[in-house]
């Protein structure tokens, strides 16, 4: 049976596919981030400490970040990648089957 309800079709086109695009872009950005982190040895350069990253944030009003913040983000990304790629990319394949503009 086909789903033809105009409200459901509009929701799928305007919300479901767009969210899948965003999630797929996030996946590919996370893969690139992780690959660069590993290739450049950032784990040794950005220790998981409360030391501040001196990135100009004190001068321009952005919130300061610590090495622990950066490592926390890296760990979160790693968990997300592991989840999407588990069981032969089961969850990633769901995104890829829905997205339109999220793949590189």
N, C-alpha and C. Protein backbone atom coordinates (compact mmCIF):
# COMPACT_ATOMS: atom_id res chain seq x y z
N UNK A 1 0.84 -1.18 0.00
CA UNK A 1 0.00 0.00 0.00
C UNK A 1 0.89 1.24 0.00
N UNK A 2 0.56 2.20 -0.81
CA UNK A 2 1.34 3.43 -0.91
C UNK A 2 0.85 4.46 0.09
N UNK A 3 1.76 5.29 0.53
CA UNK A 3 1.41 6.41 1.42
C UNK A 3 1.24 7.63 0.53
N UNK A 4 0.03 8.12 0.44
CA UNK A 4 -0.27 9.25 -0.45
C UNK A 4 -0.84 10.45 0.28
N UNK A 5 -1.02 10.33 1.58
CA UNK A 5 -1.54 11.45 2.35
C UNK A 5 -0.65 12.67 2.12
N UNK A 6 -1.21 13.78 1.62
CA UNK A 6 -0.39 14.94 1.28
C UNK A 6 0.44 15.48 2.45
N UNK A 7 -0.13 15.44 3.64
CA UNK A 7 0.62 15.92 4.81
C UNK A 7 1.81 15.01 5.11
N UNK A 8 1.62 13.71 4.98
CA UNK A 8 2.70 12.76 5.21
C UNK A 8 3.77 12.88 4.14
N UNK A 9 3.35 13.04 2.89
CA UNK A 9 4.31 13.19 1.79
C UNK A 9 5.12 14.47 1.98
N UNK A 10 4.46 15.56 2.32
CA UNK A 10 5.16 16.83 2.57
C UNK A 10 6.13 16.69 3.73
N UNK A 11 5.71 16.02 4.80
CA UNK A 11 6.58 15.81 5.96
C UNK A 11 7.84 15.03 5.54
N UNK A 12 7.64 14.00 4.76
CA UNK A 12 8.79 13.20 4.31
C UNK A 12 9.74 14.02 3.45
N UNK A 13 9.20 14.81 2.56
CA UNK A 13 10.04 15.62 1.68
C UNK A 13 10.72 16.77 2.42
N UNK A 14 10.00 17.41 3.33
CA UNK A 14 10.53 18.61 3.97
C UNK A 14 11.25 18.34 5.28
N UNK A 15 10.95 17.26 5.95
CA UNK A 15 11.57 17.00 7.25
C UNK A 15 12.43 15.73 7.25
N UNK A 16 11.88 14.63 6.81
CA UNK A 16 12.60 13.36 6.87
C UNK A 16 13.85 13.40 5.99
N UNK A 17 13.69 13.76 4.74
CA UNK A 17 14.85 13.78 3.83
C UNK A 17 15.87 14.84 4.26
N UNK A 18 15.39 15.99 4.71
CA UNK A 18 16.33 17.04 5.14
C UNK A 18 17.11 16.60 6.37
N UNK A 19 16.45 15.96 7.31
CA UNK A 19 17.17 15.48 8.50
C UNK A 19 18.18 14.40 8.12
N UNK A 20 17.81 13.52 7.21
CA UNK A 20 18.75 12.49 6.74
C UNK A 20 19.94 13.14 6.05
N UNK A 21 19.71 14.22 5.29
CA UNK A 21 20.81 14.96 4.67
C UNK A 21 21.76 15.51 5.73
N UNK A 22 21.20 16.14 6.75
CA UNK A 22 22.00 16.72 7.83
C UNK A 22 22.79 15.65 8.56
N UNK A 23 22.13 14.55 8.88
CA UNK A 23 22.79 13.46 9.60
C UNK A 23 23.89 12.82 8.75
N UNK A 24 23.66 12.69 7.46
CA UNK A 24 24.67 12.12 6.58
C UNK A 24 25.86 13.06 6.44
N UNK A 25 25.61 14.35 6.32
CA UNK A 25 26.71 15.33 6.28
C UNK A 25 27.51 15.27 7.56
N UNK A 26 26.83 15.15 8.70
CA UNK A 26 27.51 15.04 9.99
C UNK A 26 28.37 13.78 10.03
N UNK A 27 27.86 12.69 9.52
CA UNK A 27 28.63 11.45 9.48
C UNK A 27 29.91 11.64 8.70
N UNK A 28 29.82 12.19 7.48
CA UNK A 28 31.02 12.37 6.66
C UNK A 28 31.98 13.38 7.28
N UNK A 29 31.46 14.43 7.90
CA UNK A 29 32.33 15.40 8.59
C UNK A 29 33.03 14.73 9.77
N UNK A 30 32.31 13.87 10.48
CA UNK A 30 32.90 13.16 11.62
C UNK A 30 33.97 12.19 11.16
N UNK A 31 33.75 11.51 10.04
CA UNK A 31 34.78 10.61 9.50
C UNK A 31 36.04 11.40 9.14
N UNK A 32 35.86 12.54 8.47
CA UNK A 32 37.01 13.36 8.08
C UNK A 32 37.74 13.89 9.31
N UNK A 33 36.99 14.34 10.31
CA UNK A 33 37.58 14.82 11.57
C UNK A 33 38.41 13.72 12.22
N UNK A 34 37.84 12.53 12.31
CA UNK A 34 38.53 11.40 12.96
C UNK A 34 39.78 11.01 12.19
N UNK A 35 39.67 10.97 10.87
CA UNK A 35 40.83 10.63 10.05
C UNK A 35 41.95 11.66 10.23
N UNK A 36 41.59 12.94 10.25
CA UNK A 36 42.60 13.99 10.44
C UNK A 36 43.19 13.92 11.85
N UNK A 37 42.34 13.71 12.85
CA UNK A 37 42.81 13.57 14.24
C UNK A 37 43.87 12.48 14.33
N UNK A 38 43.57 11.34 13.74
CA UNK A 38 44.49 10.20 13.79
C UNK A 38 45.75 10.45 12.96
N UNK A 39 45.61 10.99 11.77
CA UNK A 39 46.74 11.18 10.86
C UNK A 39 47.73 12.22 11.38
N UNK A 40 47.23 13.19 12.13
CA UNK A 40 48.10 14.28 12.59
C UNK A 40 48.51 14.14 14.05
N UNK A 41 48.09 13.07 14.70
CA UNK A 41 48.47 12.86 16.10
C UNK A 41 47.91 13.89 17.06
N UNK A 42 46.70 14.35 16.80
CA UNK A 42 46.11 15.38 17.65
C UNK A 42 45.91 14.93 19.09
N UNK A 43 45.77 13.62 19.30
CA UNK A 43 45.61 13.13 20.67
C UNK A 43 46.77 13.52 21.56
N UNK A 44 47.98 13.54 21.01
CA UNK A 44 49.16 13.95 21.77
C UNK A 44 49.28 15.46 21.86
N UNK A 45 48.74 16.16 20.89
CA UNK A 45 48.85 17.63 20.84
C UNK A 45 47.77 18.32 21.65
N UNK A 46 46.65 17.64 21.82
CA UNK A 46 45.53 18.20 22.60
C UNK A 46 45.22 17.23 23.72
N UNK A 47 45.91 17.36 24.85
CA UNK A 47 45.68 16.42 25.95
C UNK A 47 44.29 16.60 26.57
N UNK A 48 43.79 15.54 27.14
CA UNK A 48 42.47 15.53 27.76
C UNK A 48 42.56 16.13 29.16
N UNK A 49 42.77 17.44 29.19
CA UNK A 49 42.97 18.17 30.45
C UNK A 49 42.08 19.40 30.47
N UNK A 50 42.10 20.09 31.58
CA UNK A 50 41.34 21.34 31.70
C UNK A 50 42.13 22.54 31.19
N UNK A 51 43.29 22.29 30.58
CA UNK A 51 44.08 23.38 30.00
C UNK A 51 43.29 24.02 28.87
N UNK A 52 43.31 25.36 28.83
CA UNK A 52 42.58 26.09 27.79
C UNK A 52 43.33 26.05 26.47
N UNK A 53 42.57 25.98 25.39
CA UNK A 53 43.12 26.13 24.05
C UNK A 53 43.17 27.63 23.78
N UNK A 54 44.34 28.16 23.53
CA UNK A 54 44.51 29.60 23.28
C UNK A 54 44.23 29.85 21.80
N UNK A 55 42.95 30.08 21.50
CA UNK A 55 42.51 30.18 20.11
C UNK A 55 41.95 31.55 19.76
N UNK A 56 42.20 32.53 20.63
CA UNK A 56 41.70 33.88 20.37
C UNK A 56 40.31 34.12 20.93
N UNK A 57 39.74 33.12 21.56
CA UNK A 57 38.37 33.29 22.08
C UNK A 57 38.29 34.35 23.16
N UNK A 58 39.36 34.53 23.93
CA UNK A 58 39.35 35.55 24.99
C UNK A 58 39.22 36.95 24.40
N UNK A 59 39.70 37.13 23.19
CA UNK A 59 39.64 38.44 22.55
C UNK A 59 38.36 38.67 21.75
N UNK A 60 37.78 37.62 21.20
CA UNK A 60 36.64 37.83 20.31
C UNK A 60 35.29 37.42 20.88
N UNK A 61 35.27 36.97 22.14
CA UNK A 61 34.00 36.72 22.80
C UNK A 61 33.45 35.31 22.68
N UNK A 62 34.13 34.43 21.96
CA UNK A 62 33.66 33.04 21.92
C UNK A 62 33.94 32.39 23.26
N UNK A 63 33.20 31.34 23.56
CA UNK A 63 33.45 30.59 24.79
C UNK A 63 34.79 29.89 24.68
N UNK A 64 35.57 29.91 25.75
CA UNK A 64 36.84 29.17 25.71
C UNK A 64 36.57 27.67 25.72
N UNK A 65 37.52 26.93 25.16
CA UNK A 65 37.43 25.47 25.18
C UNK A 65 38.70 24.90 25.79
N UNK A 66 38.54 23.74 26.37
CA UNK A 66 39.66 23.05 26.99
C UNK A 66 40.03 21.81 26.17
N UNK A 67 41.17 21.26 26.50
CA UNK A 67 41.54 20.00 25.87
C UNK A 67 40.51 18.93 26.15
N UNK A 68 39.95 18.96 27.36
CA UNK A 68 38.91 17.98 27.72
C UNK A 68 37.65 18.18 26.86
N UNK A 69 37.31 19.43 26.55
CA UNK A 69 36.17 19.68 25.67
C UNK A 69 36.40 19.06 24.29
N UNK A 70 37.59 19.28 23.76
CA UNK A 70 37.92 18.78 22.43
C UNK A 70 37.91 17.25 22.44
N UNK A 71 38.53 16.66 23.44
CA UNK A 71 38.56 15.19 23.54
C UNK A 71 37.16 14.63 23.77
N UNK A 72 36.32 15.34 24.51
CA UNK A 72 34.94 14.91 24.70
C UNK A 72 34.18 14.87 23.39
N UNK A 73 34.38 15.91 22.56
CA UNK A 73 33.75 15.93 21.25
C UNK A 73 34.26 14.77 20.39
N UNK A 74 35.57 14.56 20.40
CA UNK A 74 36.17 13.47 19.63
C UNK A 74 35.61 12.13 20.07
N UNK A 75 35.45 11.94 21.38
CA UNK A 75 34.89 10.68 21.90
C UNK A 75 33.43 10.52 21.50
N UNK A 76 32.66 11.60 21.57
CA UNK A 76 31.25 11.56 21.16
C UNK A 76 31.15 11.17 19.69
N UNK A 77 31.97 11.78 18.86
CA UNK A 77 31.97 11.47 17.44
C UNK A 77 32.31 10.01 17.21
N UNK A 78 33.30 9.51 17.95
CA UNK A 78 33.68 8.11 17.81
C UNK A 78 32.53 7.17 18.14
N UNK A 79 31.79 7.49 19.19
CA UNK A 79 30.64 6.66 19.56
C UNK A 79 29.56 6.69 18.49
N UNK A 80 29.32 7.88 17.93
CA UNK A 80 28.32 8.01 16.88
C UNK A 80 28.73 7.21 15.65
N UNK A 81 30.01 7.30 15.27
CA UNK A 81 30.48 6.53 14.11
C UNK A 81 30.35 5.04 14.35
N UNK A 82 30.73 4.60 15.54
CA UNK A 82 30.62 3.18 15.88
C UNK A 82 29.18 2.71 15.79
N UNK A 83 28.26 3.52 16.29
CA UNK A 83 26.84 3.16 16.26
C UNK A 83 26.33 3.07 14.82
N UNK A 84 26.66 4.06 14.00
CA UNK A 84 26.18 4.06 12.62
C UNK A 84 26.78 2.93 11.80
N UNK A 85 28.01 2.56 12.11
CA UNK A 85 28.70 1.54 11.32
C UNK A 85 28.53 0.12 11.85
N UNK A 86 27.89 -0.03 13.00
CA UNK A 86 27.69 -1.36 13.58
C UNK A 86 26.80 -2.21 12.67
N UNK A 87 26.93 -3.50 12.81
CA UNK A 87 26.11 -4.46 12.05
C UNK A 87 26.14 -4.17 10.55
N UNK A 88 27.35 -4.06 10.02
CA UNK A 88 27.54 -3.82 8.58
C UNK A 88 26.87 -2.53 8.11
N UNK A 89 27.07 -1.48 8.87
CA UNK A 89 26.54 -0.14 8.52
C UNK A 89 25.01 -0.08 8.52
N UNK A 90 24.37 -0.85 9.37
CA UNK A 90 22.91 -0.92 9.37
C UNK A 90 22.26 0.46 9.46
N UNK A 91 22.63 1.25 10.47
CA UNK A 91 22.00 2.57 10.64
C UNK A 91 22.46 3.56 9.59
N UNK A 92 23.73 3.50 9.21
CA UNK A 92 24.21 4.38 8.15
C UNK A 92 23.46 4.11 6.86
N UNK A 93 23.23 2.86 6.54
CA UNK A 93 22.51 2.52 5.31
C UNK A 93 21.09 3.06 5.31
N UNK A 94 20.47 3.16 6.48
CA UNK A 94 19.14 3.77 6.56
C UNK A 94 19.23 5.23 6.14
N UNK A 95 20.22 5.96 6.68
CA UNK A 95 20.40 7.36 6.30
C UNK A 95 20.66 7.49 4.80
N UNK A 96 21.56 6.64 4.30
CA UNK A 96 21.93 6.74 2.89
C UNK A 96 20.78 6.42 1.95
N UNK A 97 19.84 5.61 2.41
CA UNK A 97 18.70 5.28 1.56
C UNK A 97 17.67 6.40 1.53
N UNK A 98 17.76 7.33 2.47
CA UNK A 98 16.79 8.43 2.56
C UNK A 98 17.37 9.75 2.05
N UNK A 99 18.64 10.00 2.37
CA UNK A 99 19.23 11.30 2.06
C UNK A 99 19.29 11.55 0.56
N UNK A 100 19.30 12.84 0.22
CA UNK A 100 19.38 13.25 -1.19
C UNK A 100 20.64 14.07 -1.41
N UNK A 101 20.93 14.96 -0.47
CA UNK A 101 22.04 15.92 -0.63
C UNK A 101 23.07 15.84 0.47
N UNK A 102 23.15 14.72 1.19
CA UNK A 102 24.07 14.64 2.31
C UNK A 102 25.40 13.99 1.99
N UNK A 103 25.45 13.21 0.92
CA UNK A 103 26.70 12.53 0.56
C UNK A 103 27.65 13.50 -0.10
N UNK A 104 28.95 13.26 0.12
CA UNK A 104 29.93 14.18 -0.49
C UNK A 104 29.98 14.05 -2.01
